[in-house]
Amino acid sequence: MIEAARAAKVAKIVYCSTVGVYGDTKGEVIDETYQRQQADFSSAYDETKLRAQELVNQAVADGMDIVSIMPSGIFGADDPHFGPVIKNFLKGRLRVWAGAIASQGLST
């Protein structure tokens, strides 16, 4: 896509990355200058998103105008991952979201 955009002389690209490219920061507050410390990957998605972000970063270094947005999660009506969790929470079947507790360093 980067090469196609370059060939078509696209003026600006907005790339939807993920905060996951930074890996496990062990609770450290980070910014865009943070360098990933985690060597392994939690999934193929995690690895491919990092590799894609590296290509985007190189294109920016080469002079392309690209903005990367890095959401931590995207919620939507048909989301297969978060949707069921939200529905269970709204029905009173989920009192605490374990991922939120883990990210706060608390135990269940």
N, C-alpha and C. Protein backbone atom coordinates (compact mmCIF):
# COMPACT_ATOMS: atom_id res chain seq x y z
N MET A 1 0.81 -1.18 0.00
CA MET A 1 0.00 0.00 0.00
C MET A 1 0.87 1.26 0.00
N ILE A 2 1.95 1.20 0.75
CA ILE A 2 2.84 2.37 0.80
C ILE A 2 3.41 2.65 -0.58
N GLU A 3 3.86 1.61 -1.25
CA GLU A 3 4.43 1.79 -2.59
C GLU A 3 3.38 2.28 -3.58
N ALA A 4 2.15 1.76 -3.47
CA ALA A 4 1.08 2.21 -4.36
C ALA A 4 0.75 3.68 -4.09
N ALA A 5 0.74 4.06 -2.82
CA ALA A 5 0.47 5.46 -2.47
C ALA A 5 1.59 6.37 -2.98
N ARG A 6 2.80 5.89 -2.85
CA ARG A 6 3.95 6.67 -3.34
C ARG A 6 3.85 6.85 -4.85
N ALA A 7 3.55 5.77 -5.56
CA ALA A 7 3.44 5.83 -7.03
C ALA A 7 2.30 6.73 -7.47
N ALA A 8 1.21 6.74 -6.70
CA ALA A 8 0.05 7.56 -7.05
C ALA A 8 0.18 8.99 -6.53
N LYS A 9 1.31 9.27 -5.87
CA LYS A 9 1.57 10.60 -5.33
C LYS A 9 0.49 11.05 -4.34
N VAL A 10 0.07 10.10 -3.49
CA VAL A 10 -0.90 10.40 -2.43
C VAL A 10 -0.23 11.38 -1.47
N ALA A 11 -0.94 12.45 -1.13
CA ALA A 11 -0.35 13.52 -0.31
C ALA A 11 -0.20 13.10 1.16
N LYS A 12 -1.16 12.38 1.69
CA LYS A 12 -1.11 12.03 3.11
C LYS A 12 -1.84 10.71 3.34
N ILE A 13 -1.32 9.92 4.26
CA ILE A 13 -1.92 8.63 4.63
C ILE A 13 -2.22 8.68 6.12
N VAL A 14 -3.36 8.12 6.50
CA VAL A 14 -3.67 7.88 7.90
C VAL A 14 -3.70 6.36 8.08
N TYR A 15 -2.78 5.85 8.90
CA TYR A 15 -2.65 4.42 9.10
C TYR A 15 -3.20 4.04 10.47
N CYS A 16 -4.08 3.05 10.51
CA CYS A 16 -4.63 2.57 11.78
C CYS A 16 -3.76 1.44 12.29
N SER A 17 -2.91 1.77 13.22
CA SER A 17 -2.01 0.82 13.85
C SER A 17 -2.67 0.32 15.14
N THR A 18 -1.90 0.06 16.16
CA THR A 18 -2.40 -0.36 17.46
C THR A 18 -1.36 -0.06 18.52
N VAL A 19 -1.83 0.24 19.71
CA VAL A 19 -0.91 0.46 20.82
C VAL A 19 -0.13 -0.83 21.11
N GLY A 20 -0.64 -1.96 20.64
CA GLY A 20 0.02 -3.25 20.83
C GLY A 20 1.40 -3.33 20.20
N VAL A 21 1.73 -2.43 19.27
CA VAL A 21 3.07 -2.49 18.66
C VAL A 21 4.17 -2.24 19.68
N TYR A 22 3.80 -1.62 20.81
CA TYR A 22 4.79 -1.35 21.84
C TYR A 22 5.03 -2.54 22.75
N GLY A 23 4.21 -3.58 22.63
CA GLY A 23 4.36 -4.77 23.46
C GLY A 23 3.98 -4.48 24.90
N ASP A 24 4.42 -5.34 25.79
CA ASP A 24 4.14 -5.20 27.21
C ASP A 24 5.08 -4.15 27.79
N THR A 25 4.54 -3.01 28.17
CA THR A 25 5.36 -1.93 28.72
C THR A 25 5.52 -2.06 30.24
N LYS A 26 4.97 -3.13 30.79
CA LYS A 26 5.04 -3.40 32.23
C LYS A 26 4.55 -2.22 33.06
N GLY A 27 3.51 -1.56 32.54
CA GLY A 27 2.89 -0.47 33.26
C GLY A 27 3.56 0.88 33.10
N GLU A 28 4.67 0.93 32.37
CA GLU A 28 5.36 2.20 32.16
C GLU A 28 4.52 3.11 31.27
N VAL A 29 4.42 4.37 31.64
CA VAL A 29 3.75 5.35 30.79
C VAL A 29 4.71 5.67 29.65
N ILE A 30 4.23 5.57 28.42
CA ILE A 30 5.11 5.72 27.27
C ILE A 30 4.57 6.79 26.32
N ASP A 31 5.40 7.17 25.37
CA ASP A 31 4.97 8.02 24.27
C ASP A 31 5.51 7.40 22.99
N GLU A 32 5.35 8.12 21.88
CA GLU A 32 5.71 7.54 20.57
C GLU A 32 7.21 7.31 20.39
N THR A 33 8.04 7.76 21.31
CA THR A 33 9.48 7.52 21.20
C THR A 33 9.88 6.21 21.87
N TYR A 34 8.94 5.56 22.56
CA TYR A 34 9.23 4.31 23.27
C TYR A 34 9.67 3.23 22.28
N GLN A 35 10.69 2.51 22.65
CA GLN A 35 11.17 1.39 21.83
C GLN A 35 10.71 0.08 22.46
N ARG A 36 10.05 -0.75 21.69
CA ARG A 36 9.53 -2.03 22.19
C ARG A 36 10.65 -2.83 22.84
N GLN A 37 10.39 -3.33 24.04
CA GLN A 37 11.34 -4.16 24.78
C GLN A 37 11.01 -5.64 24.65
N GLN A 38 9.74 -5.96 24.49
CA GLN A 38 9.28 -7.34 24.41
C GLN A 38 9.73 -7.97 23.10
N ALA A 39 10.45 -9.09 23.20
CA ALA A 39 10.97 -9.74 22.00
C ALA A 39 9.95 -10.67 21.34
N ASP A 40 9.12 -11.31 22.14
CA ASP A 40 8.15 -12.25 21.57
C ASP A 40 6.83 -11.54 21.27
N PHE A 41 5.89 -12.31 20.72
CA PHE A 41 4.62 -11.75 20.31
C PHE A 41 3.48 -12.57 20.90
N SER A 42 2.38 -11.89 21.21
CA SER A 42 1.23 -12.60 21.77
C SER A 42 0.40 -13.29 20.69
N SER A 43 0.58 -12.87 19.43
CA SER A 43 -0.17 -13.47 18.33
C SER A 43 0.47 -13.07 17.00
N ALA A 44 0.01 -13.70 15.94
CA ALA A 44 0.47 -13.32 14.60
C ALA A 44 0.01 -11.89 14.29
N TYR A 45 -1.17 -11.53 14.78
CA TYR A 45 -1.68 -10.17 14.59
C TYR A 45 -0.72 -9.17 15.20
N ASP A 46 -0.29 -9.43 16.43
CA ASP A 46 0.65 -8.56 17.13
C ASP A 46 1.93 -8.37 16.31
N GLU A 47 2.45 -9.46 15.80
CA GLU A 47 3.69 -9.37 15.02
C GLU A 47 3.50 -8.64 13.69
N THR A 48 2.41 -8.94 12.99
CA THR A 48 2.21 -8.29 11.69
C THR A 48 1.93 -6.80 11.84
N LYS A 49 1.25 -6.41 12.93
CA LYS A 49 1.01 -4.98 13.16
C LYS A 49 2.33 -4.25 13.45
N LEU A 50 3.23 -4.90 14.19
CA LEU A 50 4.54 -4.28 14.44
C LEU A 50 5.31 -4.16 13.14
N ARG A 51 5.33 -5.20 12.34
CA ARG A 51 6.08 -5.16 11.07
C ARG A 51 5.52 -4.07 10.15
N ALA A 52 4.19 -3.95 10.10
CA ALA A 52 3.57 -2.92 9.27
C ALA A 52 3.93 -1.53 9.80
N GLN A 53 3.93 -1.35 11.12
CA GLN A 53 4.29 -0.06 11.69
C GLN A 53 5.74 0.28 11.38
N GLU A 54 6.60 -0.71 11.37
CA GLU A 54 8.01 -0.47 11.01
C GLU A 54 8.12 0.03 9.57
N LEU A 55 7.31 -0.54 8.66
CA LEU A 55 7.31 -0.07 7.26
C LEU A 55 6.80 1.36 7.18
N VAL A 56 5.76 1.66 7.95
CA VAL A 56 5.23 3.03 7.98
C VAL A 56 6.29 3.99 8.52
N ASN A 57 6.95 3.61 9.61
CA ASN A 57 7.98 4.46 10.19
C ASN A 57 9.10 4.73 9.19
N GLN A 58 9.48 3.71 8.42
CA GLN A 58 10.53 3.89 7.42
C GLN A 58 10.07 4.82 6.31
N ALA A 59 8.81 4.68 5.89
CA ALA A 59 8.27 5.56 4.85
C ALA A 59 8.25 7.01 5.33
N VAL A 60 7.92 7.22 6.60
CA VAL A 60 7.95 8.57 7.18
C VAL A 60 9.38 9.11 7.16
N ALA A 61 10.33 8.26 7.56
CA ALA A 61 11.74 8.66 7.55
C ALA A 61 12.20 9.01 6.14
N ASP A 62 11.59 8.36 5.14
CA ASP A 62 11.92 8.63 3.73
C ASP A 62 11.17 9.84 3.17
N GLY A 63 10.34 10.49 4.01
CA GLY A 63 9.69 11.71 3.59
C GLY A 63 8.20 11.65 3.32
N MET A 64 7.58 10.48 3.47
CA MET A 64 6.14 10.41 3.25
C MET A 64 5.40 11.02 4.43
N ASP A 65 4.24 11.61 4.16
CA ASP A 65 3.41 12.22 5.19
C ASP A 65 2.39 11.18 5.64
N ILE A 66 2.67 10.53 6.77
CA ILE A 66 1.80 9.48 7.29
C ILE A 66 1.56 9.73 8.77
N VAL A 67 0.30 9.62 9.17
CA VAL A 67 -0.07 9.72 10.57
C VAL A 67 -0.53 8.34 11.01
N SER A 68 0.03 7.85 12.11
CA SER A 68 -0.41 6.57 12.66
C SER A 68 -1.28 6.82 13.88
N ILE A 69 -2.47 6.25 13.86
CA ILE A 69 -3.30 6.28 15.06
C ILE A 69 -3.14 4.92 15.73
N MET A 70 -3.17 4.91 17.06
CA MET A 70 -2.86 3.68 17.79
C MET A 70 -3.89 3.40 18.88
N PRO A 71 -5.09 2.99 18.46
CA PRO A 71 -6.09 2.66 19.48
C PRO A 71 -5.70 1.40 20.25
N SER A 72 -6.19 1.32 21.48
CA SER A 72 -5.93 0.12 22.27
C SER A 72 -7.00 -0.93 22.04
N GLY A 73 -8.15 -0.52 21.59
CA GLY A 73 -9.24 -1.43 21.28
C GLY A 73 -10.32 -0.66 20.56
N ILE A 74 -10.99 -1.32 19.65
CA ILE A 74 -12.06 -0.68 18.91
C ILE A 74 -13.34 -1.44 19.21
N PHE A 75 -14.32 -0.73 19.70
CA PHE A 75 -15.59 -1.33 20.07
C PHE A 75 -16.62 -1.03 19.01
N GLY A 76 -17.45 -2.01 18.71
CA GLY A 76 -18.53 -1.81 17.76
C GLY A 76 -19.60 -2.87 17.93
N ALA A 77 -20.74 -2.63 17.32
CA ALA A 77 -21.89 -3.52 17.48
C ALA A 77 -21.59 -4.96 17.07
N ASP A 78 -20.81 -5.14 16.02
CA ASP A 78 -20.54 -6.49 15.52
C ASP A 78 -19.15 -7.00 15.89
N ASP A 79 -18.50 -6.35 16.83
CA ASP A 79 -17.15 -6.74 17.21
C ASP A 79 -17.16 -8.14 17.82
N PRO A 80 -16.39 -9.08 17.26
CA PRO A 80 -16.40 -10.46 17.77
C PRO A 80 -15.65 -10.64 19.09
N HIS A 81 -14.82 -9.68 19.46
CA HIS A 81 -14.01 -9.83 20.67
C HIS A 81 -14.61 -9.10 21.86
N PHE A 82 -14.83 -7.80 21.72
CA PHE A 82 -15.33 -7.00 22.83
C PHE A 82 -16.86 -7.03 22.92
N GLY A 83 -17.53 -7.23 21.80
CA GLY A 83 -18.98 -7.22 21.78
C GLY A 83 -19.61 -8.15 22.80
N PRO A 84 -19.23 -9.45 22.82
CA PRO A 84 -19.82 -10.36 23.81
C PRO A 84 -19.51 -9.96 25.25
N VAL A 85 -18.34 -9.41 25.49
CA VAL A 85 -17.98 -8.97 26.84
C VAL A 85 -18.91 -7.83 27.27
N ILE A 86 -19.11 -6.86 26.40
CA ILE A 86 -19.98 -5.73 26.71
C ILE A 86 -21.41 -6.20 26.93
N LYS A 87 -21.90 -7.11 26.08
CA LYS A 87 -23.26 -7.62 26.23
C LYS A 87 -23.43 -8.33 27.56
N ASN A 88 -22.46 -9.15 27.96
CA ASN A 88 -22.54 -9.83 29.26
C ASN A 88 -22.50 -8.84 30.40
N PHE A 89 -21.70 -7.81 30.29
CA PHE A 89 -21.64 -6.79 31.32
C PHE A 89 -22.99 -6.08 31.46
N LEU A 90 -23.58 -5.71 30.33
CA LEU A 90 -24.86 -5.00 30.35
C LEU A 90 -25.99 -5.87 30.91
N LYS A 91 -25.87 -7.19 30.77
CA LYS A 91 -26.88 -8.11 31.32
C LYS A 91 -26.60 -8.46 32.78
N GLY A 92 -25.54 -7.87 33.35
CA GLY A 92 -25.22 -8.13 34.74
C GLY A 92 -24.48 -9.43 34.97
N ARG A 93 -24.01 -10.05 33.91
CA ARG A 93 -23.31 -11.33 34.03
C ARG A 93 -21.80 -11.18 34.19
N LEU A 94 -21.33 -9.97 34.07
CA LEU A 94 -19.89 -9.71 34.19
C LEU A 94 -19.73 -8.47 35.06
N ARG A 95 -19.29 -8.69 36.25
CA ARG A 95 -19.18 -7.57 37.19
C ARG A 95 -17.87 -6.81 37.01
N VAL A 96 -16.83 -7.50 36.59
CA VAL A 96 -15.51 -6.89 36.43
C VAL A 96 -14.89 -7.41 35.15
N TRP A 97 -14.25 -6.54 34.41
CA TRP A 97 -13.53 -6.95 33.21
C TRP A 97 -12.11 -7.30 33.63
N ALA A 98 -11.75 -8.58 33.57
CA ALA A 98 -10.46 -9.05 34.07
C ALA A 98 -9.28 -8.35 33.41
N GLY A 99 -9.40 -8.02 32.14
CA GLY A 99 -8.32 -7.32 31.46
C GLY A 99 -8.05 -5.96 32.08
N ALA A 100 -9.10 -5.29 32.53
CA ALA A 100 -8.94 -3.99 33.17
C ALA A 100 -8.23 -4.14 34.51
N ILE A 101 -8.55 -5.20 35.23
CA ILE A 101 -7.89 -5.45 36.52
C ILE A 101 -6.42 -5.77 36.29
N ALA A 102 -6.14 -6.63 35.31
CA ALA A 102 -4.75 -7.00 35.04
C ALA A 102 -3.93 -5.79 34.64
N SER A 103 -4.54 -4.88 33.86
CA SER A 103 -3.77 -3.71 33.42
C SER A 103 -3.51 -2.74 34.55
N GLN A 104 -4.28 -2.84 35.64
CA GLN A 104 -4.07 -1.98 36.81
C GLN A 104 -3.11 -2.62 37.81
N GLY A 105 -2.66 -3.84 37.51
CA GLY A 105 -1.76 -4.53 38.41
C GLY A 105 -2.45 -5.08 39.65
N LEU A 106 -3.76 -5.28 39.56
CA LEU A 106 -4.53 -5.81 40.68
C LEU A 106 -4.80 -7.28 40.46
N SER A 107 -5.09 -7.98 41.50
CA SER A 107 -5.41 -9.40 41.35
C SER A 107 -6.91 -9.59 41.56
N THR A 108 -7.44 -10.68 40.98
CA THR A 108 -8.86 -10.96 41.11
C THR A 108 -9.11 -11.87 42.28
